[in-house]
Amino acid sequence: MLVRGAEPNVSTSDNLIGSGVSVRADNVVFMADHSVVLALPALIPAFVIVGVVLYVVAKDRRAERDENAENAGDANDTSSTPTEDDENR
């Protein structure tokens, strides 16, 4: 494999897993790594799932906070509903 702007340097002393060829590249820009491109089909659905889970958790916490605020307001407002102690007096 030759890369534009690279000069092949054939050498058997380099330990490149049996290829015997090393490439010296000057001014080469790698646009993407193959492992990243191959991982995209697995990463995109994973990010979507994480986003959905975070949305559901945030919605649930908001509902719980609103419910707790409503219950706290009801506990402080006892003038409208008589209790057993009020009826026995």
N, C-alpha and C. Protein backbone atom coordinates (compact mmCIF):
# COMPACT_ATOMS: atom_id res chain seq x y z
N MET A 1 0.84 -1.17 0.00
CA MET A 1 0.00 0.00 0.00
C MET A 1 0.88 1.23 0.00
N LEU A 2 0.70 2.06 -0.98
CA LEU A 2 1.44 3.30 -1.04
C LEU A 2 0.51 4.45 -0.72
N VAL A 3 0.99 5.36 0.09
CA VAL A 3 0.24 6.54 0.47
C VAL A 3 0.83 7.72 -0.27
N ARG A 4 -0.03 8.59 -0.77
CA ARG A 4 0.46 9.75 -1.50
C ARG A 4 1.38 10.57 -0.61
N GLY A 5 2.52 10.91 -1.08
CA GLY A 5 3.49 11.67 -0.31
C GLY A 5 4.39 10.78 0.52
N ALA A 6 4.28 9.48 0.35
CA ALA A 6 5.09 8.55 1.13
C ALA A 6 6.16 7.93 0.24
N GLU A 7 7.26 7.64 0.84
CA GLU A 7 8.34 6.98 0.12
C GLU A 7 8.53 5.59 0.69
N PRO A 8 8.38 4.56 -0.15
CA PRO A 8 8.58 3.21 0.38
C PRO A 8 10.05 2.99 0.72
N ASN A 9 10.25 2.32 1.80
CA ASN A 9 11.60 2.02 2.26
C ASN A 9 11.62 0.53 2.57
N VAL A 10 12.15 -0.25 1.65
CA VAL A 10 12.16 -1.70 1.82
C VAL A 10 13.27 -2.06 2.78
N SER A 11 12.88 -2.73 3.85
CA SER A 11 13.84 -3.11 4.87
C SER A 11 13.36 -4.37 5.55
N THR A 12 14.24 -5.31 5.74
CA THR A 12 13.86 -6.53 6.44
C THR A 12 14.16 -6.44 7.92
N SER A 13 14.83 -5.40 8.35
CA SER A 13 15.14 -5.28 9.77
C SER A 13 13.98 -4.71 10.56
N ASP A 14 13.01 -4.10 9.88
CA ASP A 14 11.84 -3.57 10.58
C ASP A 14 10.91 -4.71 10.98
N ASN A 15 10.40 -4.65 12.17
CA ASN A 15 9.48 -5.68 12.66
C ASN A 15 8.04 -5.25 12.38
N LEU A 16 7.59 -5.44 11.17
CA LEU A 16 6.24 -5.05 10.77
C LEU A 16 5.40 -6.28 10.47
N ILE A 17 5.43 -7.23 11.34
CA ILE A 17 4.63 -8.44 11.25
C ILE A 17 4.78 -9.10 9.89
N GLY A 18 5.98 -9.31 9.50
CA GLY A 18 6.27 -10.09 8.32
C GLY A 18 6.12 -9.38 6.99
N SER A 19 5.79 -8.09 6.98
CA SER A 19 5.61 -7.43 5.69
C SER A 19 6.94 -7.08 5.06
N GLY A 20 7.92 -6.70 5.87
CA GLY A 20 9.22 -6.36 5.33
C GLY A 20 9.26 -5.00 4.66
N VAL A 21 8.16 -4.24 4.71
CA VAL A 21 8.11 -2.93 4.08
C VAL A 21 7.67 -1.92 5.12
N SER A 22 8.42 -0.85 5.23
CA SER A 22 7.98 0.24 6.10
C SER A 22 7.75 1.46 5.23
N VAL A 23 6.81 2.29 5.62
CA VAL A 23 6.47 3.47 4.84
C VAL A 23 6.72 4.69 5.70
N ARG A 24 7.50 5.60 5.15
CA ARG A 24 7.75 6.88 5.82
C ARG A 24 6.88 7.91 5.13
N ALA A 25 5.97 8.51 5.88
CA ALA A 25 5.03 9.45 5.27
C ALA A 25 5.27 10.84 5.84
N ASP A 26 5.51 11.77 4.93
CA ASP A 26 5.64 13.17 5.31
C ASP A 26 4.45 13.92 4.72
N ASN A 27 3.88 14.80 5.52
CA ASN A 27 2.75 15.61 5.07
C ASN A 27 1.57 14.77 4.60
N VAL A 28 1.25 13.72 5.34
CA VAL A 28 0.12 12.87 5.01
C VAL A 28 -0.96 13.10 6.05
N VAL A 29 -2.18 13.29 5.59
CA VAL A 29 -3.31 13.47 6.49
C VAL A 29 -4.22 12.26 6.34
N PHE A 30 -4.41 11.52 7.44
CA PHE A 30 -5.31 10.38 7.43
C PHE A 30 -6.71 10.88 7.71
N MET A 31 -7.63 10.63 6.80
CA MET A 31 -8.98 11.16 6.92
C MET A 31 -9.82 10.36 7.92
N ALA A 32 -9.68 9.05 7.97
CA ALA A 32 -10.47 8.23 8.89
C ALA A 32 -9.72 6.95 9.15
N ASP A 33 -9.96 6.41 10.30
CA ASP A 33 -9.39 5.11 10.64
C ASP A 33 -10.46 4.05 10.36
N HIS A 34 -10.06 2.95 9.79
CA HIS A 34 -11.03 1.93 9.41
C HIS A 34 -11.79 1.39 10.61
N SER A 35 -11.14 1.29 11.75
CA SER A 35 -11.83 0.76 12.93
C SER A 35 -12.94 1.70 13.37
N VAL A 36 -12.75 2.99 13.22
CA VAL A 36 -13.80 3.96 13.57
C VAL A 36 -14.97 3.83 12.59
N VAL A 37 -14.68 3.72 11.32
CA VAL A 37 -15.73 3.59 10.31
C VAL A 37 -16.52 2.30 10.54
N LEU A 38 -15.84 1.24 10.87
CA LEU A 38 -16.54 -0.03 11.11
C LEU A 38 -17.33 -0.02 12.41
N ALA A 39 -16.95 0.83 13.37
CA ALA A 39 -17.65 0.88 14.65
C ALA A 39 -18.91 1.74 14.59
N LEU A 40 -19.05 2.59 13.59
CA LEU A 40 -20.21 3.49 13.51
C LEU A 40 -21.55 2.76 13.53
N PRO A 41 -21.74 1.66 12.82
CA PRO A 41 -23.04 0.98 12.90
C PRO A 41 -23.39 0.50 14.31
N ALA A 42 -22.42 0.28 15.15
CA ALA A 42 -22.71 -0.12 16.53
C ALA A 42 -22.82 1.08 17.45
N LEU A 43 -22.08 2.14 17.18
CA LEU A 43 -22.08 3.29 18.08
C LEU A 43 -23.32 4.17 17.94
N ILE A 44 -23.81 4.34 16.74
CA ILE A 44 -24.97 5.22 16.53
C ILE A 44 -26.19 4.71 17.29
N PRO A 45 -26.58 3.44 17.17
CA PRO A 45 -27.73 2.98 17.97
C PRO A 45 -27.46 3.05 19.48
N ALA A 46 -26.23 2.84 19.88
CA ALA A 46 -25.91 2.93 21.31
C ALA A 46 -26.12 4.35 21.82
N PHE A 47 -25.71 5.35 21.04
CA PHE A 47 -25.93 6.74 21.44
C PHE A 47 -27.41 7.08 21.46
N VAL A 48 -28.17 6.54 20.53
CA VAL A 48 -29.62 6.78 20.51
C VAL A 48 -30.26 6.19 21.76
N ILE A 49 -29.86 4.98 22.14
CA ILE A 49 -30.41 4.33 23.33
C ILE A 49 -30.06 5.13 24.58
N VAL A 50 -28.83 5.58 24.68
CA VAL A 50 -28.41 6.39 25.84
C VAL A 50 -29.23 7.67 25.89
N GLY A 51 -29.46 8.29 24.76
CA GLY A 51 -30.26 9.51 24.72
C GLY A 51 -31.69 9.28 25.17
N VAL A 52 -32.29 8.18 24.74
CA VAL A 52 -33.67 7.85 25.14
C VAL A 52 -33.73 7.57 26.64
N VAL A 53 -32.77 6.83 27.15
CA VAL A 53 -32.75 6.53 28.59
C VAL A 53 -32.59 7.81 29.40
N LEU A 54 -31.70 8.70 28.99
CA LEU A 54 -31.53 9.97 29.71
C LEU A 54 -32.80 10.81 29.65
N TYR A 55 -33.50 10.81 28.52
CA TYR A 55 -34.76 11.55 28.40
C TYR A 55 -35.81 10.99 29.37
N VAL A 56 -35.95 9.67 29.42
CA VAL A 56 -36.94 9.04 30.30
C VAL A 56 -36.60 9.31 31.77
N VAL A 57 -35.33 9.23 32.13
CA VAL A 57 -34.93 9.50 33.51
C VAL A 57 -35.23 10.95 33.88
N ALA A 58 -34.91 11.89 33.00
CA ALA A 58 -35.17 13.30 33.28
C ALA A 58 -36.68 13.55 33.42
N LYS A 59 -37.47 12.96 32.55
CA LYS A 59 -38.92 13.12 32.60
C LYS A 59 -39.48 12.54 33.89
N ASP A 60 -38.99 11.38 34.30
CA ASP A 60 -39.45 10.73 35.53
C ASP A 60 -39.08 11.57 36.76
N ARG A 61 -37.89 12.09 36.79
CA ARG A 61 -37.47 12.92 37.93
C ARG A 61 -38.29 14.20 38.00
N ARG A 62 -38.59 14.80 36.83
CA ARG A 62 -39.41 16.00 36.82
C ARG A 62 -40.81 15.71 37.36
N ALA A 63 -41.40 14.58 36.94
CA ALA A 63 -42.73 14.20 37.40
C ALA A 63 -42.72 13.93 38.91
N GLU A 64 -41.67 13.27 39.40
CA GLU A 64 -41.57 12.99 40.83
C GLU A 64 -41.41 14.28 41.63
N ARG A 65 -40.61 15.21 41.12
CA ARG A 65 -40.43 16.49 41.81
C ARG A 65 -41.74 17.26 41.87
N ASP A 66 -42.49 17.26 40.77
CA ASP A 66 -43.78 17.95 40.76
C ASP A 66 -44.77 17.29 41.71
N GLU A 67 -44.75 15.96 41.76
CA GLU A 67 -45.64 15.22 42.66
C GLU A 67 -45.30 15.51 44.11
N ASN A 68 -44.01 15.54 44.44
CA ASN A 68 -43.59 15.83 45.81
C ASN A 68 -43.96 17.26 46.20
N ALA A 69 -43.84 18.20 45.27
CA ALA A 69 -44.21 19.58 45.56
C ALA A 69 -45.72 19.68 45.79
N GLU A 70 -46.49 18.94 45.02
CA GLU A 70 -47.95 18.95 45.18
C GLU A 70 -48.35 18.34 46.53
N ASN A 71 -47.71 17.24 46.91
CA ASN A 71 -48.00 16.59 48.19
C ASN A 71 -47.57 17.48 49.35
N ALA A 72 -46.47 18.16 49.23
CA ALA A 72 -46.01 19.06 50.29
C ALA A 72 -46.98 20.21 50.44
N GLY A 73 -47.54 20.70 49.35
CA GLY A 73 -48.53 21.77 49.41
C GLY A 73 -49.81 21.29 50.07
N ASP A 74 -50.22 20.04 49.81
CA ASP A 74 -51.42 19.49 50.43
C ASP A 74 -51.21 19.25 51.92
N ALA A 75 -50.02 18.87 52.33
CA ALA A 75 -49.74 18.60 53.74
C ALA A 75 -49.77 19.89 54.54
N ASN A 76 -49.37 21.00 53.95
CA ASN A 76 -49.36 22.28 54.65
C ASN A 76 -50.74 22.91 54.69
N ASP A 77 -51.61 22.54 53.77
CA ASP A 77 -52.94 23.13 53.69
C ASP A 77 -53.95 22.19 54.33
N THR A 78 -54.16 22.29 55.64
CA THR A 78 -55.09 21.41 56.36
C THR A 78 -56.37 22.12 56.72
N SER A 79 -56.52 23.38 56.36
CA SER A 79 -57.71 24.14 56.74
C SER A 79 -58.94 23.73 55.95
N SER A 80 -58.78 23.18 54.77
CA SER A 80 -59.94 22.87 53.94
C SER A 80 -60.54 21.51 54.25
N THR A 81 -59.76 20.59 54.80
CA THR A 81 -60.30 19.25 55.08
C THR A 81 -60.24 19.00 56.57
N PRO A 82 -61.37 18.66 57.17
CA PRO A 82 -61.36 18.37 58.61
C PRO A 82 -60.72 17.01 58.89
N THR A 83 -60.06 16.90 60.00
CA THR A 83 -59.46 15.64 60.42
C THR A 83 -60.30 15.05 61.54
N GLU A 84 -59.98 13.84 61.97
CA GLU A 84 -60.73 13.20 63.05
C GLU A 84 -60.61 13.99 64.35
N ASP A 85 -59.47 14.59 64.60
CA ASP A 85 -59.30 15.38 65.82
C ASP A 85 -60.21 16.59 65.82
N ASP A 86 -60.40 17.20 64.64
CA ASP A 86 -61.29 18.35 64.55
C ASP A 86 -62.73 17.96 64.79
N GLU A 87 -63.15 16.79 64.31
CA GLU A 87 -64.52 16.34 64.47
C GLU A 87 -64.81 15.93 65.90
N ASN A 88 -63.84 15.42 66.64
CA ASN A 88 -64.05 14.97 68.02
C ASN A 88 -64.10 16.13 69.01
N ARG A 89 -63.72 17.29 68.66
CA ARG A 89 -63.71 18.43 69.60
C ARG A 89 -65.05 18.97 69.84
